[in-house]
Amino acid sequence: MVLNPGVKANDAKAVVALLKATPSKVSYASAGNGTAPHFAAEMFKLSTGTDMLHVPYKGSAPAINDTIAGQTQVMFPSLFTAIPYVKGGKLKAVGIAGSKRSALMPDVPTLKEQGINDVDVSQWYGIFAPANTPAPIIEALNKTLNQALAEKSVVQRLEGQGAEVATMTPNQMQIFMQQEQVKWKAVVQAAKLKAD
């Protein structure tokens, strides 16, 4: 969770107090409807009983630019996106919306550490193949990808940008995706979000 530096809050609890004192006056930027930054903000609103105006953009770049400029005040960008702007003083980081602190920003506590539960958002990436791809090909692709992700230089490069490397089997990925669908469906329903 990052803020425009002009926002008078230095931690997540102060953001909650601000939102409760000025309902619907604060806006948050997202990379577009249905993106991780959008859902993270909606989880935050649900968890804290607050409200913010959603301003969807066509991608992270314009969303973060307008948050820096003060057109919007709050954003839940990925670590990849946020780190250079936080380190450059253009954005203020107030909380990690994940299960643990980032090694690249160890002084920024998680939202859960600040008493805000149920906001656990991790962006993840996977590689997919067309439906009906033969199992031996899927297994070979998975093995090769996992070998590449075990390379020390690859791990260091990804971790240096705020990512955490995790490998899975095709079956583990399928189970993980099913769990993600259930999780996000619940958020969409609770927040009463609709497709545009």
C-alpha atoms as a PDB file:
ATOM      1  CA  MET A   1       0.000   0.000   0.000  1.00  0.00           C
ATOM      2  CA  VAL A   2       1.521   3.274  -1.116  1.00  0.00           C
ATOM      3  CA  LEU A   3       0.380   6.846  -0.709  1.00  0.00           C
ATOM      4  CA  ASN A   4       1.033  10.129  -2.373  1.00  0.00           C
ATOM      5  CA  PRO A   5       3.573  11.813  -0.035  1.00  0.00           C
ATOM      6  CA  GLY A   6       1.100  14.624   0.671  1.00  0.00           C
ATOM      7  CA  VAL A   7      -1.343  12.281   2.396  1.00  0.00           C
ATOM      8  CA  LYS A   8      -1.232  12.919   6.136  1.00  0.00           C
ATOM      9  CA  ALA A   9      -0.785   9.278   7.180  1.00  0.00           C
ATOM     10  CA  ASN A  10       2.355   7.267   7.858  1.00  0.00           C
ATOM     11  CA  ASP A  11       0.881   3.855   8.569  1.00  0.00           C
ATOM     12  CA  ALA A  12      -2.166   1.804   7.650  1.00  0.00           C
ATOM     13  CA  LYS A  13      -4.063   2.624  10.850  1.00  0.00           C
ATOM     14  CA  ALA A  14      -3.725   6.328  10.079  1.00  0.00           C
ATOM     15  CA  VAL A  15      -5.057   5.658   6.570  1.00  0.00           C
ATOM     16  CA  VAL A  16      -8.086   3.906   8.086  1.00  0.00           C
ATOM     17  CA  ALA A  17      -8.677   6.867  10.408  1.00  0.00           C
ATOM     18  CA  LEU A  18      -8.411   9.266   7.459  1.00  0.00           C
ATOM     19  CA  LEU A  19     -10.852   7.223   5.384  1.00  0.00           C
ATOM     20  CA  LYS A  20     -13.358   7.055   8.242  1.00  0.00           C
ATOM     21  CA  ALA A  21     -13.074  10.814   8.818  1.00  0.00           C
ATOM     22  CA  THR A  22     -13.490  11.634   5.115  1.00  0.00           C
ATOM     23  CA  PRO A  23     -15.711   8.914   3.605  1.00  0.00           C
ATOM     24  CA  SER A  24     -15.556   8.696  -0.195  1.00  0.00           C
ATOM     25  CA  LYS A  25     -13.160  11.679  -0.410  1.00  0.00           C
ATOM     26  CA  VAL A  26      -9.985   9.643  -0.976  1.00  0.00           C
ATOM     27  CA  SER A  27      -9.391   7.903  -4.286  1.00  0.00           C
ATOM     28  CA  TYR A  28      -7.284   4.912  -5.137  1.00  0.00           C
ATOM     29  CA  ALA A  29      -5.690   4.066  -8.458  1.00  0.00           C
ATOM     30  CA  SER A  30      -5.591   0.626 -10.007  1.00  0.00           C
ATOM     31  CA  ALA A  31      -4.080  -0.824 -13.151  1.00  0.00           C
ATOM     32  CA  GLY A  32      -7.653  -1.496 -14.314  1.00  0.00           C
ATOM     33  CA  ASN A  33     -10.787  -3.312 -13.268  1.00  0.00           C
ATOM     34  CA  GLY A  34     -10.108  -6.839 -12.064  1.00  0.00           C
ATOM     35  CA  THR A  35      -6.368  -6.354 -11.559  1.00  0.00           C
ATOM     36  CA  ALA A  36      -4.500  -7.244  -8.376  1.00  0.00           C
ATOM     37  CA  PRO A  37      -4.209  -3.566  -7.295  1.00  0.00           C
ATOM     38  CA  HIS A  38      -7.988  -3.211  -7.711  1.00  0.00           C
ATOM     39  CA  PHE A  39      -8.772  -6.322  -5.687  1.00  0.00           C
ATOM     40  CA  ALA A  40      -6.226  -5.463  -2.985  1.00  0.00           C
ATOM     41  CA  ALA A  41      -7.885  -2.100  -2.413  1.00  0.00           C
ATOM     42  CA  GLU A  42     -11.313  -3.719  -2.332  1.00  0.00           C
ATOM     43  CA  MET A  43     -10.061  -6.272   0.234  1.00  0.00           C
ATOM     44  CA  PHE A  44      -8.686  -3.387   2.287  1.00  0.00           C
ATOM     45  CA  LYS A  45     -12.026  -1.571   2.161  1.00  0.00           C
ATOM     46  CA  LEU A  46     -13.934  -4.717   3.155  1.00  0.00           C
ATOM     47  CA  SER A  47     -11.521  -5.544   5.969  1.00  0.00           C
ATOM     48  CA  THR A  48     -11.532  -2.030   7.448  1.00  0.00           C
ATOM     49  CA  GLY A  49     -15.121  -0.976   6.773  1.00  0.00           C
ATOM     50  CA  THR A  50     -13.916   2.071   4.849  1.00  0.00           C
ATOM     51  CA  ASP A  51     -14.625   3.506   1.443  1.00  0.00           C
ATOM     52  CA  MET A  52     -12.472   4.974  -1.308  1.00  0.00           C
ATOM     53  CA  LEU A  53     -13.286   6.015  -4.844  1.00  0.00           C
ATOM     54  CA  HIS A  54     -11.851   3.594  -7.427  1.00  0.00           C
ATOM     55  CA  VAL A  55     -10.083   5.195 -10.389  1.00  0.00           C
ATOM     56  CA  PRO A  56      -9.182   2.450 -12.886  1.00  0.00           C
ATOM     57  CA  TYR A  57      -6.380   3.119 -15.358  1.00  0.00           C
ATOM     58  CA  LYS A  58      -5.159   1.262 -18.425  1.00  0.00           C
ATOM     59  CA  GLY A  59      -2.078  -0.167 -16.744  1.00  0.00           C
ATOM     60  CA  SER A  60       0.174   0.453 -13.764  1.00  0.00           C
ATOM     61  CA  ALA A  61       2.249   3.235 -15.332  1.00  0.00           C
ATOM     62  CA  PRO A  62      -0.525   5.825 -15.641  1.00  0.00           C
ATOM     63  CA  ALA A  63      -2.003   4.731 -12.282  1.00  0.00           C
ATOM     64  CA  ILE A  64       1.251   5.207 -10.418  1.00  0.00           C
ATOM     65  CA  ASN A  65       1.996   8.470 -12.248  1.00  0.00           C
ATOM     66  CA  ASP A  66      -1.322   9.953 -11.128  1.00  0.00           C
ATOM     67  CA  THR A  67      -0.746   8.741  -7.558  1.00  0.00           C
ATOM     68  CA  ILE A  68       2.652  10.470  -7.579  1.00  0.00           C
ATOM     69  CA  ALA A  69       1.007  13.617  -9.003  1.00  0.00           C
ATOM     70  CA  GLY A  70      -1.757  13.541  -6.366  1.00  0.00           C
ATOM     71  CA  GLN A  71      -4.664  12.918  -8.742  1.00  0.00           C
ATOM     72  CA  THR A  72      -5.248   9.780  -6.675  1.00  0.00           C
ATOM     73  CA  GLN A  73      -3.971   9.285  -3.162  1.00  0.00           C
ATOM     74  CA  VAL A  74      -3.648   5.524  -2.634  1.00  0.00           C
ATOM     75  CA  MET A  75      -2.500   2.525  -4.689  1.00  0.00           C
ATOM     76  CA  PHE A  76      -1.682  -1.123  -4.126  1.00  0.00           C
ATOM     77  CA  PRO A  77       0.974  -1.656  -6.827  1.00  0.00           C
ATOM     78  CA  SER A  78       3.224  -4.665  -7.135  1.00  0.00           C
ATOM     79  CA  LEU A  79       6.594  -4.468  -5.434  1.00  0.00           C
ATOM     80  CA  PHE A  80       8.201  -4.402  -8.909  1.00  0.00           C
ATOM     81  CA  THR A  81       6.296  -1.224  -9.672  1.00  0.00           C
ATOM     82  CA  ALA A  82       6.498   0.494  -6.293  1.00  0.00           C
ATOM     83  CA  ILE A  83      10.084   0.030  -5.117  1.00  0.00           C
ATOM     84  CA  PRO A  84      11.835   2.602  -7.339  1.00  0.00           C
ATOM     85  CA  TYR A  85       9.260   5.279  -6.492  1.00  0.00           C
ATOM     86  CA  VAL A  86       9.307   4.528  -2.764  1.00  0.00           C
ATOM     87  CA  LYS A  87      13.107   4.562  -2.677  1.00  0.00           C
ATOM     88  CA  GLY A  88      13.085   7.794  -4.703  1.00  0.00           C
ATOM     89  CA  GLY A  89      10.712   9.471  -2.239  1.00  0.00           C
ATOM     90  CA  LYS A  90       7.927   9.909  -4.778  1.00  0.00           C
ATOM     91  CA  LEU A  91       5.586   7.512  -2.948  1.00  0.00           C
ATOM     92  CA  LYS A  92       5.199   6.611   0.707  1.00  0.00           C
ATOM     93  CA  ALA A  93       4.930   2.879   1.542  1.00  0.00           C
ATOM     94  CA  VAL A  94       2.670   2.210   4.522  1.00  0.00           C
ATOM     95  CA  GLY A  95       2.034  -1.521   4.366  1.00  0.00           C
ATOM     96  CA  ILE A  96       2.721  -4.773   2.588  1.00  0.00           C
ATOM     97  CA  ALA A  97      -0.491  -6.474   1.439  1.00  0.00           C
ATOM     98  CA  GLY A  98       1.070  -9.914   1.684  1.00  0.00           C
ATOM     99  CA  SER A  99       1.812 -12.536   4.284  1.00  0.00           C
ATOM    100  CA  LYS A 100       5.319 -11.270   5.114  1.00  0.00           C
ATOM    101  CA  ARG A 101       7.563  -8.230   4.836  1.00  0.00           C
ATOM    102  CA  SER A 102       9.630  -7.653   1.731  1.00  0.00           C
ATOM    103  CA  ALA A 103      13.377  -8.143   2.046  1.00  0.00           C
ATOM    104  CA  LEU A 104      13.749  -5.048  -0.154  1.00  0.00           C
ATOM    105  CA  MET A 105      11.683  -2.894   2.216  1.00  0.00           C
ATOM    106  CA  PRO A 106      12.159  -4.581   5.602  1.00  0.00           C
ATOM    107  CA  ASP A 107      11.028  -1.514   7.556  1.00  0.00           C
ATOM    108  CA  VAL A 108       7.561  -1.574   5.967  1.00  0.00           C
ATOM    109  CA  PRO A 109       5.263  -3.790   8.059  1.00  0.00           C
ATOM    110  CA  THR A 110       2.555  -5.978   6.629  1.00  0.00           C
ATOM    111  CA  LEU A 111      -1.019  -4.785   6.929  1.00  0.00           C
ATOM    112  CA  LYS A 112      -1.675  -7.736   9.227  1.00  0.00           C
ATOM    113  CA  GLU A 113       1.090  -6.556  11.577  1.00  0.00           C
ATOM    114  CA  GLN A 114      -0.807  -3.265  11.740  1.00  0.00           C
ATOM    115  CA  GLY A 115      -4.052  -4.975  12.749  1.00  0.00           C
ATOM    116  CA  ILE A 116      -5.622  -5.155   9.312  1.00  0.00           C
ATOM    117  CA  ASN A 117      -6.478  -8.758   8.581  1.00  0.00           C
ATOM    118  CA  ASP A 118      -7.739 -10.444   5.435  1.00  0.00           C
ATOM    119  CA  VAL A 119      -5.671  -8.392   2.980  1.00  0.00           C
ATOM    120  CA  ASP A 120      -3.252 -10.946   1.588  1.00  0.00           C
ATOM    121  CA  VAL A 121      -2.558 -10.308  -2.066  1.00  0.00           C
ATOM    122  CA  SER A 122       0.315 -11.853  -3.923  1.00  0.00           C
ATOM    123  CA  GLN A 123       0.701 -11.384  -7.626  1.00  0.00           C
ATOM    124  CA  TRP A 124       1.900 -14.558  -9.241  1.00  0.00           C
ATOM    125  CA  TYR A 125       2.938 -15.619 -12.688  1.00  0.00           C
ATOM    126  CA  GLY A 126       2.672 -18.963 -14.382  1.00  0.00           C
ATOM    127  CA  ILE A 127       3.270 -20.452 -17.782  1.00  0.00           C
ATOM    128  CA  PHE A 128       0.364 -22.113 -19.524  1.00  0.00           C
ATOM    129  CA  ALA A 129       0.031 -24.352 -22.555  1.00  0.00           C
ATOM    130  CA  PRO A 130      -2.947 -24.875 -24.861  1.00  0.00           C
ATOM    131  CA  ALA A 131      -5.702 -27.181 -23.642  1.00  0.00           C
ATOM    132  CA  ASN A 132      -5.157 -30.831 -24.548  1.00  0.00           C
ATOM    133  CA  THR A 133      -1.374 -30.508 -24.668  1.00  0.00           C
ATOM    134  CA  PRO A 134      -0.081 -34.055 -24.055  1.00  0.00           C
ATOM    135  CA  ALA A 135       0.957 -34.729 -20.439  1.00  0.00           C
ATOM    136  CA  PRO A 136       4.570 -35.667 -21.342  1.00  0.00           C
ATOM    137  CA  ILE A 137       5.050 -32.259 -22.972  1.00  0.00           C
ATOM    138  CA  ILE A 138       3.553 -30.486 -19.955  1.00  0.00           C
ATOM    139  CA  GLU A 139       5.864 -32.460 -17.648  1.00  0.00           C
ATOM    140  CA  ALA A 140       8.916 -31.640 -19.793  1.00  0.00           C
ATOM    141  CA  LEU A 141       8.046 -27.926 -19.871  1.00  0.00           C
ATOM    142  CA  ASN A 142       7.471 -27.916 -16.108  1.00  0.00           C
ATOM    143  CA  LYS A 143      10.789 -29.672 -15.446  1.00  0.00           C
ATOM    144  CA  THR A 144      12.700 -27.240 -17.662  1.00  0.00           C
ATOM    145  CA  LEU A 145      11.031 -24.186 -16.117  1.00  0.00           C
ATOM    146  CA  ASN A 146      11.687 -25.416 -12.576  1.00  0.00           C
ATOM    147  CA  GLN A 147      15.330 -26.067 -13.459  1.00  0.00           C
ATOM    148  CA  ALA A 148      15.663 -22.501 -14.772  1.00  0.00           C
ATOM    149  CA  LEU A 149      14.029 -21.132 -11.622  1.00  0.00           C
ATOM    150  CA  ALA A 150      16.539 -23.061  -9.508  1.00  0.00           C
ATOM    151  CA  GLU A 151      19.476 -21.238 -11.117  1.00  0.00           C
ATOM    152  CA  LYS A 152      21.101 -18.962  -8.548  1.00  0.00           C
ATOM    153  CA  SER A 153      21.477 -16.055 -10.985  1.00  0.00           C
ATOM    154  CA  VAL A 154      17.797 -16.239 -11.967  1.00  0.00           C
ATOM    155  CA  VAL A 155      16.683 -16.347  -8.333  1.00  0.00           C
ATOM    156  CA  GLN A 156      18.925 -13.408  -7.424  1.00  0.00           C
ATOM    157  CA  ARG A 157      17.653 -11.320 -10.309  1.00  0.00           C
ATOM    158  CA  LEU A 158      13.996 -11.974  -9.509  1.00  0.00           C
ATOM    159  CA  GLU A 159      14.453 -11.456  -5.775  1.00  0.00           C
ATOM    160  CA  GLY A 160      16.349  -8.246  -6.502  1.00  0.00           C
ATOM    161  CA  GLN A 161      13.167  -6.906  -8.063  1.00  0.00           C
ATOM    162  CA  GLY A 162      10.934  -7.911  -5.171  1.00  0.00           C
ATOM    163  CA  ALA A 163       9.741 -11.290  -6.433  1.00  0.00           C
ATOM    164  CA  GLU A 164       9.825 -14.571  -4.584  1.00  0.00           C
ATOM    165  CA  VAL A 165      10.560 -17.683  -6.616  1.00  0.00           C
ATOM    166  CA  ALA A 166       8.249 -20.636  -6.046  1.00  0.00           C
ATOM    167  CA  THR A 167       7.969 -23.710  -8.203  1.00  0.00           C
ATOM    168  CA  MET A 168       5.063 -26.100  -8.544  1.00  0.00           C
ATOM    169  CA  THR A 169       4.089 -29.254 -10.315  1.00  0.00           C
ATOM    170  CA  PRO A 170       1.257 -28.974 -12.848  1.00  0.00           C
ATOM    171  CA  ASN A 171      -1.124 -30.554 -10.302  1.00  0.00           C
ATOM    172  CA  GLN A 172      -0.042 -28.140  -7.561  1.00  0.00           C
ATOM    173  CA  MET A 173      -0.601 -25.229  -9.948  1.00  0.00           C
ATOM    174  CA  GLN A 174      -4.084 -26.472 -10.771  1.00  0.00           C
ATOM    175  CA  ILE A 175      -4.992 -26.708  -7.059  1.00  0.00           C
ATOM    176  CA  PHE A 176      -3.469 -23.280  -6.401  1.00  0.00           C
ATOM    177  CA  MET A 177      -5.465 -21.707  -9.239  1.00  0.00           C
ATOM    178  CA  GLN A 178      -8.696 -23.274  -7.969  1.00  0.00           C
ATOM    179  CA  GLN A 179      -8.008 -21.804  -4.504  1.00  0.00           C
ATOM    180  CA  GLU A 180      -7.322 -18.401  -6.048  1.00  0.00           C
ATOM    181  CA  GLN A 181     -10.594 -18.528  -7.981  1.00  0.00           C
ATOM    182  CA  VAL A 182     -12.551 -19.248  -4.796  1.00  0.00           C
ATOM    183  CA  LYS A 183     -10.727 -16.463  -2.917  1.00  0.00           C
ATOM    184  CA  TRP A 184     -11.261 -13.809  -5.573  1.00  0.00           C
ATOM    185  CA  LYS A 185     -14.835 -14.831  -6.307  1.00  0.00           C
ATOM    186  CA  ALA A 186     -15.615 -14.189  -2.637  1.00  0.00           C
ATOM    187  CA  VAL A 187     -14.002 -10.718  -2.852  1.00  0.00           C
ATOM    188  CA  VAL A 188     -15.913  -9.854  -6.029  1.00  0.00           C
ATOM    189  CA  GLN A 189     -19.197 -10.902  -4.438  1.00  0.00           C
ATOM    190  CA  ALA A 190     -18.569  -9.183  -1.085  1.00  0.00           C
ATOM    191  CA  ALA A 191     -17.475  -5.943  -2.763  1.00  0.00           C
ATOM    192  CA  LYS A 192     -20.365  -6.196  -5.260  1.00  0.00           C
ATOM    193  CA  LEU A 193     -18.007  -5.671  -8.184  1.00  0.00           C
ATOM    194  CA  LYS A 194     -19.352  -5.957 -11.699  1.00  0.00           C
ATOM    195  CA  ALA A 195     -17.633  -6.397 -15.038  1.00  0.00           C
ATOM    196  CA  ASP A 196     -17.671  -3.309 -17.235  1.00  0.00           C
END
